[in-house]
Amino acid sequence: MAGAIHITEMQRQIGVAKIYRQQVNIECWEYSTGAIIKYKGWEVLNQYWKGGTTRLRNPRNGEIRSVCDILIFRFNNQEVYL
């Protein structure tokens, strides 16, 4: 599905992915350097919408990362806008 989605729609889709244990593809900026980080095929552990963060887990090695929602610019090949 191509196109652009609002950040609140992305957060809803992340919540659905968490419930059904679906894998997601996320591209975001690193907070300190602005480097682009790509998470392909990661599972959503939890989403803290009030704090604006999402925790992801790599199914291959179990690595866990926390991503700030405002820094995500692409979610499942859809552009994210504010």
PDB file of N, CA and C in Angstrom:
ATOM      1  N   MET A   1       0.850  -1.166   0.000  1.00  0.00           N
ATOM      2  CA  MET A   1       0.000   0.000   0.000  1.00  0.00           C
ATOM      3  C   MET A   1       0.904   1.241   0.000  1.00  0.00           C
ATOM      4  N   ALA A   2       0.873   1.994  -1.065  1.00  0.00           N
ATOM      5  CA  ALA A   2       1.700   3.197  -1.166  1.00  0.00           C
ATOM      6  C   ALA A   2       0.888   4.415  -0.758  1.00  0.00           C
ATOM      7  N   GLY A   3       1.577   5.502  -0.490  1.00  0.00           N
ATOM      8  CA  GLY A   3       0.911   6.726  -0.103  1.00  0.00           C
ATOM      9  C   GLY A   3       1.461   7.257   1.196  1.00  0.00           C
ATOM     10  N   ALA A   4       0.755   8.223   1.759  1.00  0.00           N
ATOM     11  CA  ALA A   4       1.185   8.837   3.004  1.00  0.00           C
ATOM     12  C   ALA A   4       0.097   8.669   4.058  1.00  0.00           C
ATOM     13  N   ILE A   5       0.523   8.530   5.316  1.00  0.00           N
ATOM     14  CA  ILE A   5      -0.416   8.399   6.419  1.00  0.00           C
ATOM     15  C   ILE A   5      -0.021   9.372   7.521  1.00  0.00           C
ATOM     16  N   HIS A   6      -0.989   9.731   8.336  1.00  0.00           N
ATOM     17  CA  HIS A   6      -0.746  10.621   9.469  1.00  0.00           C
ATOM     18  C   HIS A   6      -0.122   9.813  10.603  1.00  0.00           C
ATOM     19  N   ILE A   7       0.578  10.475  11.481  1.00  0.00           N
ATOM     20  CA  ILE A   7       1.262   9.795  12.586  1.00  0.00           C
ATOM     21  C   ILE A   7       0.284   9.056  13.493  1.00  0.00           C
ATOM     22  N   THR A   8      -0.929   9.577  13.679  1.00  0.00           N
ATOM     23  CA  THR A   8      -1.907   8.877  14.524  1.00  0.00           C
ATOM     24  C   THR A   8      -2.375   7.578  13.872  1.00  0.00           C
ATOM     25  N   GLU A   9      -2.502   7.577  12.541  1.00  0.00           N
ATOM     26  CA  GLU A   9      -2.857   6.346  11.830  1.00  0.00           C
ATOM     27  C   GLU A   9      -1.726   5.330  11.948  1.00  0.00           C
ATOM     28  N   MET A  10      -0.486   5.793  11.872  1.00  0.00           N
ATOM     29  CA  MET A  10       0.659   4.907  12.051  1.00  0.00           C
ATOM     30  C   MET A  10       0.627   4.283  13.442  1.00  0.00           C
ATOM     31  N   GLN A  11       0.318   5.077  14.461  1.00  0.00           N
ATOM     32  CA  GLN A  11       0.260   4.557  15.823  1.00  0.00           C
ATOM     33  C   GLN A  11      -0.851   3.521  15.967  1.00  0.00           C
ATOM     34  N   ARG A  12      -1.980   3.736  15.292  1.00  0.00           N
ATOM     35  CA  ARG A  12      -3.053   2.731  15.311  1.00  0.00           C
ATOM     36  C   ARG A  12      -2.593   1.438  14.646  1.00  0.00           C
ATOM     37  N   GLN A  13      -1.901   1.550  13.514  1.00  0.00           N
ATOM     38  CA  GLN A  13      -1.418   0.361  12.811  1.00  0.00           C
ATOM     39  C   GLN A  13      -0.354  -0.376  13.616  1.00  0.00           C
ATOM     40  N   ILE A  14       0.464   0.365  14.356  1.00  0.00           N
ATOM     41  CA  ILE A  14       1.448  -0.268  15.237  1.00  0.00           C
ATOM     42  C   ILE A  14       0.734  -1.036  16.340  1.00  0.00           C
ATOM     43  N   GLY A  15      -0.346  -0.468  16.879  1.00  0.00           N
ATOM     44  CA  GLY A  15      -1.132  -1.154  17.900  1.00  0.00           C
ATOM     45  C   GLY A  15      -1.750  -2.444  17.376  1.00  0.00           C
ATOM     46  N   VAL A  16      -2.237  -2.420  16.152  1.00  0.00           N
ATOM     47  CA  VAL A  16      -2.806  -3.624  15.537  1.00  0.00           C
ATOM     48  C   VAL A  16      -1.715  -4.666  15.307  1.00  0.00           C
ATOM     49  N   ALA A  17      -0.546  -4.215  14.856  1.00  0.00           N
ATOM     50  CA  ALA A  17       0.581  -5.133  14.634  1.00  0.00           C
ATOM     51  C   ALA A  17       1.005  -5.793  15.946  1.00  0.00           C
ATOM     52  N   LYS A  18       0.915  -5.074  17.039  1.00  0.00           N
ATOM     53  CA  LYS A  18       1.256  -5.636  18.352  1.00  0.00           C
ATOM     54  C   LYS A  18       0.257  -6.715  18.748  1.00  0.00           C
ATOM     55  N   ILE A  19      -1.026  -6.437  18.544  1.00  0.00           N
ATOM     56  CA  ILE A  19      -2.067  -7.395  18.917  1.00  0.00           C
ATOM     57  C   ILE A  19      -1.930  -8.694  18.132  1.00  0.00           C
ATOM     58  N   TYR A  20      -1.715  -8.598  16.812  1.00  0.00           N
ATOM     59  CA  TYR A  20      -1.647  -9.777  15.952  1.00  0.00           C
ATOM     60  C   TYR A  20      -0.231 -10.297  15.750  1.00  0.00           C
ATOM     61  N   ARG A  21       0.743  -9.720  16.464  1.00  0.00           N
ATOM     62  CA  ARG A  21       2.144 -10.140  16.391  1.00  0.00           C
ATOM     63  C   ARG A  21       2.675 -10.140  14.959  1.00  0.00           C
ATOM     64  N   GLN A  22       2.375  -9.070  14.250  1.00  0.00           N
ATOM     65  CA  GLN A  22       2.844  -8.910  12.879  1.00  0.00           C
ATOM     66  C   GLN A  22       4.201  -8.233  12.873  1.00  0.00           C
ATOM     67  N   GLN A  23       4.962  -8.491  11.828  1.00  0.00           N
ATOM     68  CA  GLN A  23       6.249  -7.834  11.670  1.00  0.00           C
ATOM     69  C   GLN A  23       6.050  -6.534  10.913  1.00  0.00           C
ATOM     70  N   VAL A  24       6.838  -5.522  11.258  1.00  0.00           N
ATOM     71  CA  VAL A  24       6.718  -4.202  10.637  1.00  0.00           C
ATOM     72  C   VAL A  24       8.071  -3.773  10.076  1.00  0.00           C
ATOM     73  N   ASN A  25       8.008  -2.849   9.126  1.00  0.00           N
ATOM     74  CA  ASN A  25       9.194  -2.222   8.558  1.00  0.00           C
ATOM     75  C   ASN A  25       9.137  -0.743   8.908  1.00  0.00           C
ATOM     76  N   ILE A  26      10.166  -0.270   9.597  1.00  0.00           N
ATOM     77  CA  ILE A  26      10.203   1.117  10.056  1.00  0.00           C
ATOM     78  C   ILE A  26      11.527   1.745   9.639  1.00  0.00           C
ATOM     79  N   GLU A  27      11.439   2.966   9.125  1.00  0.00           N
ATOM     80  CA  GLU A  27      12.630   3.767   8.872  1.00  0.00           C
ATOM     81  C   GLU A  27      12.495   5.028   9.717  1.00  0.00           C
ATOM     82  N   CYS A  28      13.551   5.342  10.466  1.00  0.00           N
ATOM     83  CA  CYS A  28      13.501   6.501  11.352  1.00  0.00           C
ATOM     84  C   CYS A  28      14.875   7.155  11.423  1.00  0.00           C
ATOM     85  N   TRP A  29      14.885   8.350  11.996  1.00  0.00           N
ATOM     86  CA  TRP A  29      16.137   9.063  12.208  1.00  0.00           C
ATOM     87  C   TRP A  29      16.644   8.746  13.607  1.00  0.00           C
ATOM     88  N   GLU A  30      17.974   8.671  13.761  1.00  0.00           N
ATOM     89  CA  GLU A  30      18.567   8.544  15.080  1.00  0.00           C
ATOM     90  C   GLU A  30      18.508   9.907  15.754  1.00  0.00           C
ATOM     91  N   TYR A  31      18.204   9.913  17.028  1.00  0.00           N
ATOM     92  CA  TYR A  31      17.971  11.166  17.752  1.00  0.00           C
ATOM     93  C   TYR A  31      19.204  12.063  17.787  1.00  0.00           C
ATOM     94  N   SER A  32      20.350  11.512  18.063  1.00  0.00           N
ATOM     95  CA  SER A  32      21.534  12.349  18.286  1.00  0.00           C
ATOM     96  C   SER A  32      22.258  12.758  17.008  1.00  0.00           C
ATOM     97  N   THR A  33      22.336  11.866  16.017  1.00  0.00           N
ATOM     98  CA  THR A  33      23.124  12.159  14.814  1.00  0.00           C
ATOM     99  C   THR A  33      22.293  12.433  13.573  1.00  0.00           C
ATOM    100  N   GLY A  34      21.048  11.982  13.554  1.00  0.00           N
ATOM    101  CA  GLY A  34      20.208  12.153  12.381  1.00  0.00           C
ATOM    102  C   GLY A  34      20.424  11.076  11.330  1.00  0.00           C
ATOM    103  N   ALA A  35      21.196  10.055  11.656  1.00  0.00           N
ATOM    104  CA  ALA A  35      21.415   8.946  10.733  1.00  0.00           C
ATOM    105  C   ALA A  35      20.109   8.165  10.547  1.00  0.00           C
ATOM    106  N   ILE A  36      19.941   7.588   9.382  1.00  0.00           N
ATOM    107  CA  ILE A  36      18.731   6.812   9.095  1.00  0.00           C
ATOM    108  C   ILE A  36      18.934   5.374   9.563  1.00  0.00           C
ATOM    109  N   ILE A  37      17.963   4.885  10.334  1.00  0.00           N
ATOM    110  CA  ILE A  37      17.987   3.512  10.840  1.00  0.00           C
ATOM    111  C   ILE A  37      16.797   2.776  10.236  1.00  0.00           C
ATOM    112  N   LYS A  38      17.041   1.564   9.729  1.00  0.00           N
ATOM    113  CA  LYS A  38      15.974   0.764   9.124  1.00  0.00           C
ATOM    114  C   LYS A  38      15.755  -0.492   9.955  1.00  0.00           C
ATOM    115  N   TYR A  39      14.508  -0.698  10.352  1.00  0.00           N
ATOM    116  CA  TYR A  39      14.101  -1.898  11.063  1.00  0.00           C
ATOM    117  C   TYR A  39      13.173  -2.672  10.132  1.00  0.00           C
ATOM    118  N   LYS A  40      13.673  -3.741   9.536  1.00  0.00           N
ATOM    119  CA  LYS A  40      12.877  -4.526   8.592  1.00  0.00           C
ATOM    120  C   LYS A  40      12.529  -5.870   9.213  1.00  0.00           C
ATOM    121  N   GLY A  41      11.239  -6.140   9.306  1.00  0.00           N
ATOM    122  CA  GLY A  41      10.766  -7.409   9.840  1.00  0.00           C
ATOM    123  C   GLY A  41      10.872  -7.526  11.349  1.00  0.00           C
ATOM    124  N   TRP A  42      10.753  -6.423  12.073  1.00  0.00           N
ATOM    125  CA  TRP A  42      10.814  -6.432  13.533  1.00  0.00           C
ATOM    126  C   TRP A  42       9.407  -6.553  14.098  1.00  0.00           C
ATOM    127  N   GLU A  43       9.296  -7.153  15.275  1.00  0.00           N
ATOM    128  CA  GLU A  43       8.004  -7.312  15.944  1.00  0.00           C
ATOM    129  C   GLU A  43       7.811  -6.190  16.962  1.00  0.00           C
ATOM    130  N   VAL A  44       6.564  -5.782  17.140  1.00  0.00           N
ATOM    131  CA  VAL A  44       6.236  -4.731  18.111  1.00  0.00           C
ATOM    132  C   VAL A  44       6.015  -5.376  19.474  1.00  0.00           C
ATOM    133  N   LEU A  45       6.802  -4.961  20.461  1.00  0.00           N
ATOM    134  CA  LEU A  45       6.617  -5.466  21.828  1.00  0.00           C
ATOM    135  C   LEU A  45       5.544  -4.684  22.560  1.00  0.00           C
ATOM    136  N   ASN A  46       5.677  -3.365  22.565  1.00  0.00           N
ATOM    137  CA  ASN A  46       4.644  -2.521  23.158  1.00  0.00           C
ATOM    138  C   ASN A  46       4.748  -1.118  22.593  1.00  0.00           C
ATOM    139  N   GLN A  47       3.694  -0.373  22.808  1.00  0.00           N
ATOM    140  CA  GLN A  47       3.637   1.005  22.334  1.00  0.00           C
ATOM    141  C   GLN A  47       3.135   1.874  23.475  1.00  0.00           C
ATOM    142  N   TYR A  48       3.904   2.890  23.785  1.00  0.00           N
ATOM    143  CA  TYR A  48       3.543   3.827  24.843  1.00  0.00           C
ATOM    144  C   TYR A  48       3.155   5.129  24.160  1.00  0.00           C
ATOM    145  N   TRP A  49       1.876   5.254  23.784  1.00  0.00           N
ATOM    146  CA  TRP A  49       1.449   6.401  22.980  1.00  0.00           C
ATOM    147  C   TRP A  49       1.563   7.710  23.742  1.00  0.00           C
ATOM    148  N   LYS A  50       1.395   7.664  25.059  1.00  0.00           N
ATOM    149  CA  LYS A  50       1.492   8.880  25.851  1.00  0.00           C
ATOM    150  C   LYS A  50       2.931   9.399  25.881  1.00  0.00           C
ATOM    151  N   GLY A  51       3.887   8.508  25.959  1.00  0.00           N
ATOM    152  CA  GLY A  51       5.292   8.876  25.947  1.00  0.00           C
ATOM    153  C   GLY A  51       5.857   8.983  24.544  1.00  0.00           C
ATOM    154  N   GLY A  52       5.110   8.491  23.561  1.00  0.00           N
ATOM    155  CA  GLY A  52       5.519   8.599  22.177  1.00  0.00           C
ATOM    156  C   GLY A  52       6.638   7.662  21.772  1.00  0.00           C
ATOM    157  N   THR A  53       6.702   6.472  22.378  1.00  0.00           N
ATOM    158  CA  THR A  53       7.741   5.516  22.018  1.00  0.00           C
ATOM    159  C   THR A  53       7.140   4.166  21.670  1.00  0.00           C
ATOM    160  N   THR A  54       7.892   3.418  20.883  1.00  0.00           N
ATOM    161  CA  THR A  54       7.513   2.074  20.486  1.00  0.00           C
ATOM    162  C   THR A  54       8.711   1.168  20.724  1.00  0.00           C
ATOM    163  N   ARG A  55       8.489   0.022  21.345  1.00  0.00           N
ATOM    164  CA  ARG A  55       9.577  -0.943  21.552  1.00  0.00           C
ATOM    165  C   ARG A  55       9.448  -2.051  20.522  1.00  0.00           C
ATOM    166  N   LEU A  56      10.570  -2.347  19.866  1.00  0.00           N
ATOM    167  CA  LEU A  56      10.624  -3.352  18.817  1.00  0.00           C
ATOM    168  C   LEU A  56      11.577  -4.472  19.218  1.00  0.00           C
ATOM    169  N   ARG A  57      11.318  -5.668  18.699  1.00  0.00           N
ATOM    170  CA  ARG A  57      12.193  -6.817  18.951  1.00  0.00           C
ATOM    171  C   ARG A  57      12.539  -7.491  17.636  1.00  0.00           C
ATOM    172  N   ASN A  58      13.822  -7.774  17.462  1.00  0.00           N
ATOM    173  CA  ASN A  58      14.282  -8.490  16.285  1.00  0.00           C
ATOM    174  C   ASN A  58      14.011  -9.973  16.500  1.00  0.00           C
ATOM    175  N   PRO A  59      13.202 -10.616  15.632  1.00  0.00           N
ATOM    176  CA  PRO A  59      12.869 -12.025  15.856  1.00  0.00           C
ATOM    177  C   PRO A  59      14.052 -12.969  15.639  1.00  0.00           C
ATOM    178  N   ARG A  60      15.089 -12.519  14.947  1.00  0.00           N
ATOM    179  CA  ARG A  60      16.232 -13.397  14.676  1.00  0.00           C
ATOM    180  C   ARG A  60      17.155 -13.557  15.877  1.00  0.00           C
ATOM    181  N   ASN A  61      17.445 -12.449  16.573  1.00  0.00           N
ATOM    182  CA  ASN A  61      18.407 -12.538  17.662  1.00  0.00           C
ATOM    183  C   ASN A  61      17.868 -12.026  19.004  1.00  0.00           C
ATOM    184  N   GLY A  62      16.630 -11.558  19.042  1.00  0.00           N
ATOM    185  CA  GLY A  62      16.020 -11.126  20.294  1.00  0.00           C
ATOM    186  C   GLY A  62      16.413  -9.729  20.747  1.00  0.00           C
ATOM    187  N   GLU A  63      17.124  -8.986  19.915  1.00  0.00           N
ATOM    188  CA  GLU A  63      17.541  -7.627  20.268  1.00  0.00           C
ATOM    189  C   GLU A  63      16.312  -6.725  20.404  1.00  0.00           C
ATOM    190  N   ILE A  64      16.310  -5.869  21.418  1.00  0.00           N
ATOM    191  CA  ILE A  64      15.186  -4.972  21.677  1.00  0.00           C
ATOM    192  C   ILE A  64      15.650  -3.534  21.505  1.00  0.00           C
ATOM    193  N   ARG A  65      14.847  -2.745  20.794  1.00  0.00           N
ATOM    194  CA  ARG A  65      15.144  -1.331  20.584  1.00  0.00           C
ATOM    195  C   ARG A  65      13.902  -0.509  20.890  1.00  0.00           C
ATOM    196  N   SER A  66      14.120   0.724  21.314  1.00  0.00           N
ATOM    197  CA  SER A  66      13.046   1.669  21.561  1.00  0.00           C
ATOM    198  C   SER A  66      13.154   2.795  20.534  1.00  0.00           C
ATOM    199  N   VAL A  67      12.023   3.123  19.896  1.00  0.00           N
ATOM    200  CA  VAL A  67      12.000   4.130  18.838  1.00  0.00           C
ATOM    201  C   VAL A  67      11.020   5.226  19.221  1.00  0.00           C
ATOM    202  N   CYS A  68      11.439   6.470  19.093  1.00  0.00           N
ATOM    203  CA  CYS A  68      10.570   7.610  19.327  1.00  0.00           C
ATOM    204  C   CYS A  68       9.650   7.765  18.103  1.00  0.00           C
ATOM    205  N   ASP A  69       8.334   7.790  18.321  1.00  0.00           N
ATOM    206  CA  ASP A  69       7.372   7.819  17.216  1.00  0.00           C
ATOM    207  C   ASP A  69       7.532   9.040  16.319  1.00  0.00           C
ATOM    208  N   ILE A  70       7.915  10.170  16.876  1.00  0.00           N
ATOM    209  CA  ILE A  70       8.010  11.399  16.101  1.00  0.00           C
ATOM    210  C   ILE A  70       9.167  11.340  15.101  1.00  0.00           C
ATOM    211  N   LEU A  71      10.131  10.450  15.321  1.00  0.00           N
ATOM    212  CA  LEU A  71      11.286  10.327  14.437  1.00  0.00           C
ATOM    213  C   LEU A  71      11.065   9.338  13.304  1.00  0.00           C
ATOM    214  N   ILE A  72       9.936   8.641  13.291  1.00  0.00           N
ATOM    215  CA  ILE A  72       9.628   7.684  12.219  1.00  0.00           C
ATOM    216  C   ILE A  72       9.123   8.452  11.003  1.00  0.00           C
ATOM    217  N   PHE A  73       9.754   8.224   9.853  1.00  0.00           N
ATOM    218  CA  PHE A  73       9.306   8.903   8.643  1.00  0.00           C
ATOM    219  C   PHE A  73       8.767   7.936   7.592  1.00  0.00           C
ATOM    220  N   ARG A  74       8.922   6.628   7.792  1.00  0.00           N
ATOM    221  CA  ARG A  74       8.337   5.642   6.877  1.00  0.00           C
ATOM    222  C   ARG A  74       7.930   4.416   7.686  1.00  0.00           C
ATOM    223  N   PHE A  75       6.683   3.989   7.491  1.00  0.00           N
ATOM    224  CA  PHE A  75       6.147   2.828   8.185  1.00  0.00           C
ATOM    225  C   PHE A  75       5.503   1.903   7.172  1.00  0.00           C
ATOM    226  N   ASN A  76       6.001   0.672   7.036  1.00  0.00           N
ATOM    227  CA  ASN A  76       5.506  -0.295   6.059  1.00  0.00           C
ATOM    228  C   ASN A  76       5.365   0.311   4.668  1.00  0.00           C
ATOM    229  N   ASN A  77       6.419   0.962   4.196  1.00  0.00           N
ATOM    230  CA  ASN A  77       6.500   1.591   2.868  1.00  0.00           C
ATOM    231  C   ASN A  77       5.493   2.708   2.656  1.00  0.00           C
ATOM    232  N   GLN A  78       5.044   3.334   3.726  1.00  0.00           N
ATOM    233  CA  GLN A  78       4.161   4.494   3.646  1.00  0.00           C
ATOM    234  C   GLN A  78       4.864   5.666   4.312  1.00  0.00           C
ATOM    235  N   GLU A  79       4.839   6.811   3.667  1.00  0.00           N
ATOM    236  CA  GLU A  79       5.393   8.021   4.252  1.00  0.00           C
ATOM    237  C   GLU A  79       4.532   8.443   5.438  1.00  0.00           C
ATOM    238  N   VAL A  80       5.155   8.922   6.505  1.00  0.00           N
ATOM    239  CA  VAL A  80       4.437   9.371   7.706  1.00  0.00           C
ATOM    240  C   VAL A  80       4.588  10.880   7.806  1.00  0.00           C
ATOM    241  N   TYR A  81       3.473  11.572   7.964  1.00  0.00           N
ATOM    242  CA  TYR A  81       3.523  13.014   8.121  1.00  0.00           C
ATOM    243  C   TYR A  81       2.845  13.408   9.436  1.00  0.00           C
ATOM    244  N   LEU A  82       3.134  14.625   9.856  1.00  0.00           N
ATOM    245  CA  LEU A  82       2.560  15.133  11.108  1.00  0.00           C
ATOM    246  C   LEU A  82       1.296  15.820  10.775  1.00  0.00           C
TER     247      LEU A  82
END
